[in-house]
């Protein structure tokens, strides 16, 4: 098995479960989903900014990351009813200044 940073988390987890002989991934994915929801419900705006600052090597990637995460947080709010994203999801007046 090798590590691939480009593989998406959930895809890799499902493949891992199948490779290790798990026949029904429903419980495993359900429990992982509940854990991820818990983590999302407890993050702060500072956590998100720290993640962006640690991951984004260029201003353009930082801008893109803010945009894509904003969409993800909107999804989490609208579909998963995780409502601690109000400050995170609102679009800043000037993204380039961060």
C-alpha atoms as a PDB file:
ATOM      1  CA  UNK A   1       0.000   0.000   0.000  1.00  0.00           C
ATOM      2  CA  UNK A   2       1.273   3.491  -0.784  1.00  0.00           C
ATOM      3  CA  UNK A   3       0.328   6.960   0.346  1.00  0.00           C
ATOM      4  CA  UNK A   4      -1.217   9.301  -2.177  1.00  0.00           C
ATOM      5  CA  UNK A   5      -2.012  12.835  -1.076  1.00  0.00           C
ATOM      6  CA  UNK A   6      -4.261  13.339  -4.109  1.00  0.00           C
ATOM      7  CA  UNK A   7      -6.718  10.569  -3.141  1.00  0.00           C
ATOM      8  CA  UNK A   8      -9.889  11.928  -1.609  1.00  0.00           C
ATOM      9  CA  UNK A   9     -10.424  11.006   2.013  1.00  0.00           C
ATOM     10  CA  UNK A  10     -13.736   9.154   1.757  1.00  0.00           C
ATOM     11  CA  UNK A  11     -12.730   7.300  -1.406  1.00  0.00           C
ATOM     12  CA  UNK A  12      -9.514   6.151   0.259  1.00  0.00           C
ATOM     13  CA  UNK A  13     -11.397   5.061   3.376  1.00  0.00           C
ATOM     14  CA  UNK A  14     -13.904   2.978   1.409  1.00  0.00           C
ATOM     15  CA  UNK A  15     -11.057   1.365  -0.550  1.00  0.00           C
ATOM     16  CA  UNK A  16      -9.235   0.661   2.723  1.00  0.00           C
ATOM     17  CA  UNK A  17     -12.314  -0.988   4.206  1.00  0.00           C
ATOM     18  CA  UNK A  18     -12.754  -3.179   1.149  1.00  0.00           C
ATOM     19  CA  UNK A  19      -9.041  -4.061   1.059  1.00  0.00           C
ATOM     20  CA  UNK A  20      -9.143  -5.127   4.714  1.00  0.00           C
ATOM     21  CA  UNK A  21     -12.093  -7.439   4.112  1.00  0.00           C
ATOM     22  CA  UNK A  22     -14.973  -5.380   5.472  1.00  0.00           C
ATOM     23  CA  UNK A  23     -18.027  -6.644   3.627  1.00  0.00           C
ATOM     24  CA  UNK A  24     -20.506  -4.005   4.751  1.00  0.00           C
ATOM     25  CA  UNK A  25     -19.108  -0.518   5.148  1.00  0.00           C
ATOM     26  CA  UNK A  26     -22.387   1.015   6.372  1.00  0.00           C
ATOM     27  CA  UNK A  27     -21.473   1.044  10.082  1.00  0.00           C
ATOM     28  CA  UNK A  28     -17.910   2.136   9.423  1.00  0.00           C
ATOM     29  CA  UNK A  29     -18.918   5.032   7.177  1.00  0.00           C
ATOM     30  CA  UNK A  30     -21.761   5.989   9.501  1.00  0.00           C
ATOM     31  CA  UNK A  31     -19.463   6.175  12.515  1.00  0.00           C
ATOM     32  CA  UNK A  32     -16.792   8.060  10.563  1.00  0.00           C
ATOM     33  CA  UNK A  33     -19.470  10.455   9.328  1.00  0.00           C
ATOM     34  CA  UNK A  34     -20.697  11.121  12.874  1.00  0.00           C
ATOM     35  CA  UNK A  35     -17.120  11.762  13.985  1.00  0.00           C
ATOM     36  CA  UNK A  36     -16.508  14.206  11.109  1.00  0.00           C
ATOM     37  CA  UNK A  37     -19.787  15.987  11.912  1.00  0.00           C
ATOM     38  CA  UNK A  38     -18.649  16.280  15.532  1.00  0.00           C
ATOM     39  CA  UNK A  39     -15.333  17.789  14.439  1.00  0.00           C
ATOM     40  CA  UNK A  40     -17.053  20.211  12.076  1.00  0.00           C
ATOM     41  CA  UNK A  41     -19.493  21.285  14.760  1.00  0.00           C
ATOM     42  CA  UNK A  42     -16.590  22.165  17.042  1.00  0.00           C
ATOM     43  CA  UNK A  43     -14.208  24.041  14.773  1.00  0.00           C
ATOM     44  CA  UNK A  44     -13.755  27.764  15.048  1.00  0.00           C
ATOM     45  CA  UNK A  45     -12.969  30.490  12.577  1.00  0.00           C
ATOM     46  CA  UNK A  46      -9.423  30.503  13.985  1.00  0.00           C
ATOM     47  CA  UNK A  47      -9.084  26.779  13.206  1.00  0.00           C
ATOM     48  CA  UNK A  48     -10.112  27.384   9.609  1.00  0.00           C
ATOM     49  CA  UNK A  49      -7.755  30.329   9.204  1.00  0.00           C
ATOM     50  CA  UNK A  50      -4.894  28.322  10.692  1.00  0.00           C
ATOM     51  CA  UNK A  51      -5.614  25.482   8.250  1.00  0.00           C
ATOM     52  CA  UNK A  52      -5.648  27.880   5.299  1.00  0.00           C
ATOM     53  CA  UNK A  53      -2.443  29.589   6.391  1.00  0.00           C
ATOM     54  CA  UNK A  54      -0.691  26.241   6.864  1.00  0.00           C
ATOM     55  CA  UNK A  55      -1.841  24.760   3.553  1.00  0.00           C
ATOM     56  CA  UNK A  56      -1.847  27.683   1.149  1.00  0.00           C
ATOM     57  CA  UNK A  57       1.580  28.385  -0.289  1.00  0.00           C
ATOM     58  CA  UNK A  58       0.448  31.163  -2.617  1.00  0.00           C
ATOM     59  CA  UNK A  59      -2.092  33.981  -2.457  1.00  0.00           C
ATOM     60  CA  UNK A  60      -4.065  32.476  -5.339  1.00  0.00           C
ATOM     61  CA  UNK A  61      -4.312  29.096  -3.610  1.00  0.00           C
ATOM     62  CA  UNK A  62      -5.344  30.816  -0.370  1.00  0.00           C
ATOM     63  CA  UNK A  63      -8.146  32.588  -2.253  1.00  0.00           C
ATOM     64  CA  UNK A  64      -9.258  29.358  -3.922  1.00  0.00           C
ATOM     65  CA  UNK A  65      -9.163  27.459  -0.637  1.00  0.00           C
ATOM     66  CA  UNK A  66     -11.310  30.076   1.077  1.00  0.00           C
ATOM     67  CA  UNK A  67     -13.813  29.864  -1.780  1.00  0.00           C
ATOM     68  CA  UNK A  68     -14.009  26.066  -1.869  1.00  0.00           C
ATOM     69  CA  UNK A  69     -14.193  25.763   1.920  1.00  0.00           C
ATOM     70  CA  UNK A  70     -16.924  28.392   2.013  1.00  0.00           C
ATOM     71  CA  UNK A  71     -18.953  26.172  -0.343  1.00  0.00           C
ATOM     72  CA  UNK A  72     -18.211  23.125   1.852  1.00  0.00           C
ATOM     73  CA  UNK A  73     -19.333  24.983   4.976  1.00  0.00           C
ATOM     74  CA  UNK A  74     -22.525  26.112   3.219  1.00  0.00           C
ATOM     75  CA  UNK A  75     -23.191  22.447   2.423  1.00  0.00           C
ATOM     76  CA  UNK A  76     -22.512  21.480   6.048  1.00  0.00           C
ATOM     77  CA  UNK A  77     -24.904  24.157   7.226  1.00  0.00           C
ATOM     78  CA  UNK A  78     -27.703  23.540   4.714  1.00  0.00           C
ATOM     79  CA  UNK A  79     -27.563  19.747   4.436  1.00  0.00           C
ATOM     80  CA  UNK A  80     -26.020  18.578   7.712  1.00  0.00           C
ATOM     81  CA  UNK A  81     -27.519  21.291   9.949  1.00  0.00           C
ATOM     82  CA  UNK A  82     -24.132  22.224  11.376  1.00  0.00           C
ATOM     83  CA  UNK A  83     -24.645  25.850  12.266  1.00  0.00           C
ATOM     84  CA  UNK A  84     -21.381  27.149  13.683  1.00  0.00           C
ATOM     85  CA  UNK A  85     -20.163  28.494  10.329  1.00  0.00           C
ATOM     86  CA  UNK A  86     -21.816  31.933  10.300  1.00  0.00           C
ATOM     87  CA  UNK A  87     -18.568  33.890  10.598  1.00  0.00           C
ATOM     88  CA  UNK A  88     -16.684  31.428   8.435  1.00  0.00           C
ATOM     89  CA  UNK A  89     -19.130  31.332   5.536  1.00  0.00           C
ATOM     90  CA  UNK A  90     -19.792  35.009   5.134  1.00  0.00           C
ATOM     91  CA  UNK A  91     -17.758  36.421   2.302  1.00  0.00           C
ATOM     92  CA  UNK A  92     -15.239  39.016   3.448  1.00  0.00           C
ATOM     93  CA  UNK A  93     -15.303  42.398   1.727  1.00  0.00           C
ATOM     94  CA  UNK A  94     -11.769  41.929   0.443  1.00  0.00           C
ATOM     95  CA  UNK A  95     -10.387  38.384   0.328  1.00  0.00           C
ATOM     96  CA  UNK A  96      -7.020  39.483  -0.988  1.00  0.00           C
ATOM     97  CA  UNK A  97      -6.199  41.322   2.229  1.00  0.00           C
ATOM     98  CA  UNK A  98      -6.128  38.111   4.323  1.00  0.00           C
END
